[in-house]
Amino acid sequence: MNKTIRLVCVLAILLMPILAQARIFARWHTSMGSFTAELYDELVPITALNFRDLANDGFYNNLIFHRVIEGFMIQDGCPNGTGTGGPGYNIQDEFHPDLLHDSAGVLAMARTTEPNSAGSQYYITLAPQPHLDGGYAVFGRIIEGLENVMAIGSVPTNSSNRPITPVNIFILRMLDLHLLDFFPVLDEPVLLDTNTTQMFITQAYTHEATVSYTWFLNDELLPDDTFMIERTFESGNHTLRCNIASSDSIAFDAVWNIQVSSANEDLQAPVAEQISLSANPNPFGSNIRILCNSKIEQNLSLDVFNLRGQKVRSLQKSASKQGTWELDWNGCDDNGQQLPAGVYLLKMKADSGNLFRKISKLK
């Protein structure tokens, strides 16, 4: 998956903070340059969110990389600058089978020889370190500026592995871009029949920054500029990419590899077998009836989004459901105000997957 970092000036959008698992980003500004990491809070939430909270509190600002071992790792997070300090508490060790010390730039928690003794100290690898797998909690990876990390890893040190010339961390801050769901899921091929229309959706939010969506099909710019796109593809292999860019100088590329053949089956079919969603009439005027169905008992919610990606109405809060039920929506937002005419997106979120339906509201 390609990831790019760049400063962007974009159209205004403010997505409300949604309590959901997300991908988040952190940036270091040091005396030897800047670098950026993606944190895997969807896989290791205890570890990643502890780091996020400490960064947001300014804990890491003005610290130093107190331990550097060339070819191994660089370490920070001690308020004493000696490797002896921490935040005053410890967190639980947290491991995920997909998070390994498999390259340079892996971000993980340091700890003592005792389990569950991590707090604020972390390290960044300078090469693969497979012997650390399962013993130290990986929670992120450098995605930009790895050359600066490697340069820090090559500074002269004393016999205690402390840099002779301090490497200062001026600011370590979280960036204002939070990635939520992607539909269809990333990193899996999307198998389609010819002349089949498929919807592709990205969901992200910011607190104060602005965000834009730029779509490319086989590296050719498309006119679409919202968080979703709906297309029919010719036979063959295609690459669809959405660049999600925040004005807080961070961008992320969501990439789908699409294989189109009359012999293939849509990968989203298993989801449709468990849940279904329809809405009539569509387009609608003063009211639309939404029909939901779940073949199994599972947690479900139903929300309405506008084309800027903002959630405008919660129609069904998360609840355990099985069977068929109907919901009526009068076109009002959560504050009871009539929404303007236009295109909206229904999202049915379930344990077995997500479904989306595009609806049109008339004046």
Foldseek 3Di string as FASTA:
>chain_A
DAWDFFADDDDFDFADDDPAQWKWKKKWQKPLGIFMKIWRCVQFVQVRVLQQVCQVVQQQAFAFQFAAAAQFKTKTFAPVSHPPHFDPDFAAAGADPVQFLAAFFWKWFDADPDGRGTGGMIITTHTRDRVCHPPIHTTIGINTDSVSRNVVNPADDDPRRGHPDTITGRHMHIFFKIWHDWPPHAPDAWEEEAPDKDKTFTAMRGHPWGKWKWKDKQNHTDPDIFRMDIDGDDAAKIKIWIWIDTNSRTITIGIHIYHYHNPIDGPCVVVCVAKDKDKPDFQDEQKIKIKIAGQDWWWKWKFKADRNNYTFATFGHTDTDHGMDMTMDRCHGPVRHHDDWAKMKMWMQIPSGIDIDIGTYDD
